[in-house]
């Protein structure tokens, strides 16, 4: 994950949005008060739309996708209760793309999708950031 985050750091810098990206965003404000998890990146698209981006090494730690999905669900629940005043969106940057013939990949793709998490393979991250750039505050 460290290499993935270093790569993402470079992409955000090259896109000119590094200063508009929050790094290591604590989830405690959006989940449980003492939740120690940090999401790799966060951004604001407007006053209410908050994005959360997590790098996930599916090749070595596929269970991290479940952890991120659980966290996304908790953030969405609080947002729907209007206690945090945001409309969240989520992206998972992964070290591998999904192959439909792989049963584990199919499960992970469905799980992420069911939790409103956009899956972005690392090789497509620069294109995704280029699309995100004009939408950021």
N, C-alpha and C. Protein backbone atom coordinates (compact mmCIF):
# COMPACT_ATOMS: atom_id res chain seq x y z
N UNK A 1 0.82 -1.21 0.00
CA UNK A 1 0.00 0.00 0.00
C UNK A 1 0.85 1.25 0.00
N UNK A 2 2.01 1.19 0.63
CA UNK A 2 2.87 2.38 0.65
C UNK A 2 3.23 2.82 -0.76
N UNK A 3 3.58 1.87 -1.62
CA UNK A 3 3.92 2.21 -3.00
C UNK A 3 2.70 2.77 -3.73
N UNK A 4 1.55 2.21 -3.45
CA UNK A 4 0.33 2.72 -4.09
C UNK A 4 0.05 4.15 -3.65
N UNK A 5 0.20 4.42 -2.36
CA UNK A 5 -0.03 5.78 -1.86
C UNK A 5 1.00 6.75 -2.44
N UNK A 6 2.25 6.32 -2.54
CA UNK A 6 3.27 7.19 -3.15
C UNK A 6 2.89 7.53 -4.59
N UNK A 7 2.41 6.55 -5.32
CA UNK A 7 1.99 6.77 -6.70
C UNK A 7 0.80 7.73 -6.75
N UNK A 8 -0.18 7.52 -5.87
CA UNK A 8 -1.34 8.41 -5.83
C UNK A 8 -0.91 9.84 -5.45
N UNK A 9 0.01 9.96 -4.51
CA UNK A 9 0.54 11.28 -4.14
C UNK A 9 1.06 11.99 -5.39
N UNK A 10 1.84 11.27 -6.20
CA UNK A 10 2.40 11.85 -7.43
C UNK A 10 1.30 12.27 -8.40
N UNK A 11 0.29 11.42 -8.54
CA UNK A 11 -0.80 11.74 -9.46
C UNK A 11 -1.54 12.99 -9.01
N UNK A 12 -1.84 13.09 -7.72
CA UNK A 12 -2.53 14.28 -7.21
C UNK A 12 -1.66 15.53 -7.40
N UNK A 13 -0.37 15.40 -7.17
CA UNK A 13 0.54 16.55 -7.36
C UNK A 13 0.57 16.97 -8.83
N UNK A 14 0.75 16.00 -9.72
CA UNK A 14 0.82 16.30 -11.15
C UNK A 14 -0.48 16.91 -11.67
N UNK A 15 -1.58 16.54 -11.08
CA UNK A 15 -2.88 17.10 -11.49
C UNK A 15 -3.09 18.50 -10.91
N UNK A 16 -2.21 18.93 -10.00
CA UNK A 16 -2.33 20.26 -9.41
C UNK A 16 -3.39 20.37 -8.34
N UNK A 17 -3.76 19.24 -7.72
CA UNK A 17 -4.82 19.28 -6.70
C UNK A 17 -4.33 18.78 -5.34
N UNK A 18 -3.03 18.60 -5.19
CA UNK A 18 -2.46 18.08 -3.95
C UNK A 18 -2.91 18.88 -2.73
N UNK A 19 -2.97 20.19 -2.85
CA UNK A 19 -3.35 21.03 -1.71
C UNK A 19 -4.84 20.96 -1.40
N UNK A 20 -5.64 20.43 -2.32
CA UNK A 20 -7.08 20.29 -2.09
C UNK A 20 -7.46 18.90 -1.61
N UNK A 21 -6.46 18.06 -1.38
CA UNK A 21 -6.69 16.68 -0.93
C UNK A 21 -6.28 16.59 0.53
N UNK A 22 -7.19 16.10 1.36
CA UNK A 22 -6.84 15.84 2.76
C UNK A 22 -6.21 14.45 2.81
N UNK A 23 -5.09 14.35 3.49
CA UNK A 23 -4.39 13.09 3.62
C UNK A 23 -4.67 12.48 4.99
N UNK A 24 -4.78 11.16 5.03
CA UNK A 24 -5.01 10.43 6.27
C UNK A 24 -6.20 11.00 7.05
N UNK A 25 -7.35 11.00 6.39
CA UNK A 25 -8.56 11.56 6.98
C UNK A 25 -9.12 10.62 8.05
N UNK A 26 -9.26 11.09 9.29
CA UNK A 26 -9.82 10.23 10.34
C UNK A 26 -11.30 9.98 10.09
N UNK A 27 -11.72 8.74 10.30
CA UNK A 27 -13.14 8.41 10.10
C UNK A 27 -13.95 8.59 11.37
N UNK A 28 -13.29 8.87 12.47
CA UNK A 28 -14.00 8.97 13.75
C UNK A 28 -15.11 10.02 13.73
N UNK A 29 -14.97 11.05 12.91
CA UNK A 29 -16.02 12.07 12.82
C UNK A 29 -17.25 11.53 12.11
N UNK A 30 -17.10 10.43 11.39
CA UNK A 30 -18.18 9.91 10.57
C UNK A 30 -18.67 8.53 11.00
N UNK A 31 -17.96 7.88 11.89
CA UNK A 31 -18.36 6.52 12.30
C UNK A 31 -18.54 6.51 13.81
N UNK A 32 -17.67 5.85 14.51
CA UNK A 32 -17.70 5.82 15.97
C UNK A 32 -16.68 6.80 16.50
N UNK A 33 -16.93 7.39 17.64
CA UNK A 33 -16.07 8.45 18.16
C UNK A 33 -14.61 8.03 18.30
N UNK A 34 -14.35 6.79 18.60
CA UNK A 34 -12.97 6.38 18.84
C UNK A 34 -12.43 5.48 17.74
N UNK A 35 -13.04 5.47 16.58
CA UNK A 35 -12.56 4.64 15.48
C UNK A 35 -11.20 5.16 15.03
N UNK A 36 -10.14 4.33 15.11
CA UNK A 36 -8.80 4.80 14.77
C UNK A 36 -8.48 4.79 13.27
N UNK A 37 -9.38 4.27 12.44
CA UNK A 37 -9.08 4.14 11.01
C UNK A 37 -8.87 5.51 10.37
N UNK A 38 -7.91 5.55 9.46
CA UNK A 38 -7.67 6.72 8.64
C UNK A 38 -7.90 6.33 7.18
N UNK A 39 -8.63 7.14 6.46
CA UNK A 39 -8.81 6.92 5.02
C UNK A 39 -7.72 7.70 4.32
N UNK A 40 -7.11 7.07 3.34
CA UNK A 40 -5.92 7.64 2.70
C UNK A 40 -6.11 9.08 2.21
N UNK A 41 -7.23 9.34 1.53
CA UNK A 41 -7.45 10.67 0.95
C UNK A 41 -8.93 11.05 1.07
N UNK A 42 -9.15 12.34 1.16
CA UNK A 42 -10.50 12.87 1.16
C UNK A 42 -10.49 14.19 0.42
N UNK A 43 -11.64 14.56 -0.11
CA UNK A 43 -11.75 15.82 -0.85
C UNK A 43 -13.18 16.33 -0.75
N UNK A 44 -13.34 17.60 -1.08
CA UNK A 44 -14.67 18.22 -1.15
C UNK A 44 -14.94 18.61 -2.60
N UNK A 45 -16.13 18.23 -3.08
CA UNK A 45 -16.55 18.66 -4.42
C UNK A 45 -17.39 19.92 -4.33
N UNK A 46 -18.10 20.09 -3.27
CA UNK A 46 -18.84 21.31 -2.97
C UNK A 46 -19.04 21.31 -1.46
N UNK A 47 -19.89 22.17 -0.96
CA UNK A 47 -20.04 22.27 0.49
C UNK A 47 -20.59 21.00 1.13
N UNK A 48 -21.24 20.14 0.37
CA UNK A 48 -21.88 18.95 0.95
C UNK A 48 -21.31 17.63 0.44
N UNK A 49 -20.70 17.60 -0.74
CA UNK A 49 -20.22 16.34 -1.33
C UNK A 49 -18.78 16.08 -0.90
N UNK A 50 -18.62 15.05 -0.08
CA UNK A 50 -17.29 14.70 0.42
C UNK A 50 -16.88 13.34 -0.14
N UNK A 51 -15.70 13.30 -0.72
CA UNK A 51 -15.19 12.06 -1.29
C UNK A 51 -14.15 11.42 -0.39
N UNK A 52 -14.14 10.10 -0.38
CA UNK A 52 -13.18 9.32 0.40
C UNK A 52 -12.52 8.32 -0.55
N UNK A 53 -11.20 8.29 -0.54
CA UNK A 53 -10.44 7.43 -1.44
C UNK A 53 -9.49 6.58 -0.61
N UNK A 54 -9.57 5.27 -0.80
CA UNK A 54 -8.72 4.35 -0.05
C UNK A 54 -7.95 3.46 -1.03
N UNK A 55 -6.64 3.33 -0.80
CA UNK A 55 -5.87 2.36 -1.56
C UNK A 55 -6.01 1.01 -0.89
N UNK A 56 -6.19 -0.01 -1.71
CA UNK A 56 -6.38 -1.37 -1.18
C UNK A 56 -5.53 -2.33 -2.01
N UNK A 57 -4.66 -3.06 -1.33
CA UNK A 57 -3.82 -4.06 -1.99
C UNK A 57 -4.58 -5.38 -2.04
N UNK A 58 -5.40 -5.54 -3.06
CA UNK A 58 -6.22 -6.74 -3.17
C UNK A 58 -5.38 -8.00 -3.34
N UNK A 59 -4.20 -7.87 -3.94
CA UNK A 59 -3.38 -9.05 -4.17
C UNK A 59 -2.83 -9.64 -2.88
N UNK A 60 -2.67 -8.82 -1.85
CA UNK A 60 -2.11 -9.33 -0.60
C UNK A 60 -3.05 -9.20 0.60
N UNK A 61 -4.00 -8.25 0.55
CA UNK A 61 -4.91 -8.03 1.68
C UNK A 61 -6.34 -7.77 1.20
N UNK A 62 -6.96 -8.77 0.58
CA UNK A 62 -8.32 -8.54 0.05
C UNK A 62 -9.34 -8.20 1.13
N UNK A 63 -9.10 -8.61 2.37
CA UNK A 63 -10.05 -8.30 3.44
C UNK A 63 -10.12 -6.80 3.73
N UNK A 64 -9.11 -6.04 3.31
CA UNK A 64 -9.16 -4.59 3.50
C UNK A 64 -10.33 -3.98 2.72
N UNK A 65 -10.74 -4.64 1.64
CA UNK A 65 -11.91 -4.16 0.89
C UNK A 65 -13.17 -4.26 1.75
N UNK A 66 -13.27 -5.32 2.53
CA UNK A 66 -14.42 -5.47 3.43
C UNK A 66 -14.41 -4.39 4.51
N UNK A 67 -13.25 -4.11 5.04
CA UNK A 67 -13.13 -3.07 6.06
C UNK A 67 -13.55 -1.71 5.50
N UNK A 68 -13.11 -1.41 4.28
CA UNK A 68 -13.48 -0.14 3.67
C UNK A 68 -14.98 -0.10 3.38
N UNK A 69 -15.54 -1.23 2.92
CA UNK A 69 -16.99 -1.29 2.65
C UNK A 69 -17.78 -1.07 3.94
N UNK A 70 -17.35 -1.68 5.03
CA UNK A 70 -18.01 -1.49 6.32
C UNK A 70 -17.95 -0.02 6.75
N UNK A 71 -16.78 0.58 6.59
CA UNK A 71 -16.60 1.99 6.96
C UNK A 71 -17.47 2.88 6.09
N UNK A 72 -17.51 2.61 4.79
CA UNK A 72 -18.36 3.39 3.88
C UNK A 72 -19.83 3.29 4.30
N UNK A 73 -20.25 2.09 4.68
CA UNK A 73 -21.63 1.91 5.12
C UNK A 73 -21.93 2.75 6.35
N UNK A 74 -21.01 2.77 7.32
CA UNK A 74 -21.21 3.55 8.54
C UNK A 74 -21.27 5.05 8.21
N UNK A 75 -20.41 5.51 7.32
CA UNK A 75 -20.43 6.92 6.92
C UNK A 75 -21.75 7.25 6.24
N UNK A 76 -22.21 6.38 5.35
CA UNK A 76 -23.47 6.59 4.65
C UNK A 76 -24.66 6.62 5.62
N UNK A 77 -24.63 5.74 6.61
CA UNK A 77 -25.71 5.71 7.61
C UNK A 77 -25.78 7.03 8.38
N UNK A 78 -24.63 7.52 8.82
CA UNK A 78 -24.64 8.81 9.54
C UNK A 78 -25.08 9.93 8.63
N UNK A 79 -24.63 9.90 7.37
CA UNK A 79 -25.02 10.95 6.43
C UNK A 79 -26.53 10.94 6.19
N UNK A 80 -27.12 9.74 6.08
CA UNK A 80 -28.56 9.66 5.83
C UNK A 80 -29.37 10.11 7.04
N UNK A 81 -28.77 10.02 8.21
CA UNK A 81 -29.43 10.50 9.42
C UNK A 81 -29.28 12.02 9.56
N UNK A 82 -28.55 12.62 8.60
CA UNK A 82 -28.31 14.06 8.57
C UNK A 82 -27.58 14.57 9.80
N UNK A 83 -26.84 13.70 10.44
CA UNK A 83 -26.09 14.15 11.62
C UNK A 83 -24.73 14.73 11.25
N UNK A 84 -24.28 14.47 10.03
CA UNK A 84 -22.95 14.99 9.68
C UNK A 84 -23.01 15.98 8.52
N UNK A 85 -24.15 16.12 7.88
CA UNK A 85 -24.33 17.15 6.87
C UNK A 85 -23.50 17.00 5.61
N UNK A 86 -23.18 15.77 5.22
CA UNK A 86 -22.45 15.57 3.98
C UNK A 86 -23.15 14.53 3.12
N UNK A 87 -22.83 14.55 1.85
CA UNK A 87 -23.23 13.50 0.93
C UNK A 87 -21.94 12.81 0.50
N UNK A 88 -21.67 11.60 1.02
CA UNK A 88 -20.39 10.96 0.76
C UNK A 88 -20.34 10.20 -0.57
N UNK A 89 -19.13 10.13 -1.13
CA UNK A 89 -18.86 9.26 -2.27
C UNK A 89 -17.53 8.57 -2.00
N UNK A 90 -17.36 7.39 -2.58
CA UNK A 90 -16.23 6.55 -2.22
C UNK A 90 -15.55 5.98 -3.45
N UNK A 91 -14.23 5.82 -3.36
CA UNK A 91 -13.46 5.17 -4.41
C UNK A 91 -12.40 4.28 -3.76
N UNK A 92 -12.23 3.11 -4.34
CA UNK A 92 -11.17 2.19 -3.91
C UNK A 92 -10.17 2.06 -5.04
N UNK A 93 -8.94 2.49 -4.77
CA UNK A 93 -7.85 2.35 -5.73
C UNK A 93 -7.17 1.02 -5.41
N UNK A 94 -7.17 0.10 -6.35
CA UNK A 94 -6.65 -1.23 -6.07
C UNK A 94 -5.43 -1.56 -6.94
N UNK A 95 -4.60 -2.44 -6.41
CA UNK A 95 -3.38 -2.81 -7.12
C UNK A 95 -3.65 -3.71 -8.32
N UNK A 96 -4.81 -4.32 -8.38
CA UNK A 96 -5.16 -5.17 -9.52
C UNK A 96 -6.57 -4.85 -9.98
N UNK A 97 -6.79 -5.05 -11.27
CA UNK A 97 -8.13 -4.90 -11.80
C UNK A 97 -8.89 -6.21 -11.62
N UNK A 98 -10.19 -6.14 -11.68
CA UNK A 98 -11.00 -7.34 -11.51
C UNK A 98 -11.10 -8.10 -12.83
N UNK A 99 -10.97 -9.41 -12.74
CA UNK A 99 -11.21 -10.29 -13.88
C UNK A 99 -12.54 -10.99 -13.63
N UNK A 100 -13.52 -10.84 -14.52
CA UNK A 100 -14.85 -11.39 -14.28
C UNK A 100 -14.86 -12.91 -14.08
N UNK A 101 -13.90 -13.61 -14.66
CA UNK A 101 -13.88 -15.07 -14.51
C UNK A 101 -13.36 -15.52 -13.15
N UNK A 102 -12.80 -14.60 -12.37
CA UNK A 102 -12.27 -14.92 -11.05
C UNK A 102 -13.39 -14.76 -10.02
N UNK A 103 -13.74 -15.83 -9.33
CA UNK A 103 -14.85 -15.81 -8.39
C UNK A 103 -14.63 -14.80 -7.25
N UNK A 104 -13.41 -14.71 -6.74
CA UNK A 104 -13.11 -13.74 -5.67
C UNK A 104 -13.26 -12.31 -6.19
N UNK A 105 -12.82 -12.06 -7.41
CA UNK A 105 -12.96 -10.73 -7.99
C UNK A 105 -14.43 -10.37 -8.17
N UNK A 106 -15.21 -11.34 -8.61
CA UNK A 106 -16.65 -11.08 -8.79
C UNK A 106 -17.30 -10.71 -7.46
N UNK A 107 -16.93 -11.44 -6.41
CA UNK A 107 -17.46 -11.14 -5.08
C UNK A 107 -17.06 -9.74 -4.64
N UNK A 108 -15.77 -9.41 -4.78
CA UNK A 108 -15.29 -8.10 -4.33
C UNK A 108 -15.92 -6.97 -5.15
N UNK A 109 -16.05 -7.15 -6.44
CA UNK A 109 -16.67 -6.13 -7.29
C UNK A 109 -18.11 -5.88 -6.86
N UNK A 110 -18.84 -6.96 -6.60
CA UNK A 110 -20.23 -6.82 -6.18
C UNK A 110 -20.32 -6.16 -4.81
N UNK A 111 -19.44 -6.57 -3.88
CA UNK A 111 -19.46 -6.01 -2.54
C UNK A 111 -19.17 -4.51 -2.57
N UNK A 112 -18.13 -4.11 -3.29
CA UNK A 112 -17.81 -2.68 -3.37
C UNK A 112 -18.97 -1.91 -4.01
N UNK A 113 -19.49 -2.44 -5.11
CA UNK A 113 -20.59 -1.78 -5.79
C UNK A 113 -21.83 -1.65 -4.92
N UNK A 114 -22.13 -2.69 -4.16
CA UNK A 114 -23.30 -2.64 -3.28
C UNK A 114 -23.16 -1.59 -2.18
N UNK A 115 -21.95 -1.20 -1.89
CA UNK A 115 -21.72 -0.17 -0.87
C UNK A 115 -21.41 1.20 -1.49
N UNK A 116 -21.66 1.33 -2.78
CA UNK A 116 -21.47 2.61 -3.45
C UNK A 116 -20.03 3.02 -3.61
N UNK A 117 -19.14 2.04 -3.69
CA UNK A 117 -17.70 2.31 -3.82
C UNK A 117 -17.29 2.07 -5.25
N UNK A 118 -16.75 3.10 -5.88
CA UNK A 118 -16.24 2.97 -7.24
C UNK A 118 -14.89 2.26 -7.19
N UNK A 119 -14.74 1.24 -8.01
CA UNK A 119 -13.47 0.51 -8.08
C UNK A 119 -12.61 1.09 -9.19
N UNK A 120 -11.37 1.46 -8.84
CA UNK A 120 -10.44 2.03 -9.81
C UNK A 120 -9.12 1.28 -9.71
N UNK A 121 -8.79 0.49 -10.74
CA UNK A 121 -7.47 -0.15 -10.74
C UNK A 121 -6.38 0.92 -10.81
N UNK A 122 -5.26 0.66 -10.18
CA UNK A 122 -4.18 1.65 -10.10
C UNK A 122 -3.79 2.20 -11.47
N UNK A 123 -3.80 1.34 -12.49
CA UNK A 123 -3.39 1.82 -13.82
C UNK A 123 -4.40 2.81 -14.41
N UNK A 124 -5.60 2.90 -13.86
CA UNK A 124 -6.59 3.88 -14.33
C UNK A 124 -6.73 5.08 -13.41
N UNK A 125 -5.90 5.16 -12.37
CA UNK A 125 -6.03 6.22 -11.37
C UNK A 125 -5.76 7.61 -11.95
N UNK A 126 -4.79 7.75 -12.83
CA UNK A 126 -4.47 9.07 -13.39
C UNK A 126 -5.64 9.62 -14.20
N UNK A 127 -6.31 8.76 -14.94
CA UNK A 127 -7.48 9.20 -15.72
C UNK A 127 -8.61 9.59 -14.77
N UNK A 128 -8.82 8.81 -13.71
CA UNK A 128 -9.86 9.13 -12.74
C UNK A 128 -9.59 10.48 -12.07
N UNK A 129 -8.33 10.73 -11.68
CA UNK A 129 -7.97 12.00 -11.05
C UNK A 129 -8.17 13.15 -12.03
N UNK A 130 -7.85 12.94 -13.29
CA UNK A 130 -8.05 14.00 -14.30
C UNK A 130 -9.53 14.35 -14.43
N UNK A 131 -10.42 13.36 -14.32
CA UNK A 131 -11.87 13.64 -14.35
C UNK A 131 -12.33 14.33 -13.07
N UNK A 132 -11.70 13.98 -11.96
CA UNK A 132 -12.08 14.55 -10.65
C UNK A 132 -11.65 16.02 -10.54
N UNK A 133 -10.52 16.35 -11.08
CA UNK A 133 -9.89 17.68 -10.91
C UNK A 133 -10.83 18.85 -11.10
N UNK A 134 -11.57 18.94 -12.21
CA UNK A 134 -12.42 20.13 -12.37
C UNK A 134 -13.60 20.21 -11.42
N UNK A 135 -13.89 19.13 -10.72
CA UNK A 135 -15.04 19.11 -9.81
C UNK A 135 -14.69 19.53 -8.39
N UNK A 136 -13.39 19.60 -8.06
CA UNK A 136 -12.99 19.90 -6.70
C UNK A 136 -13.11 21.38 -6.37
N UNK A 137 -13.34 21.65 -5.09
CA UNK A 137 -13.38 23.04 -4.62
C UNK A 137 -11.98 23.60 -4.63
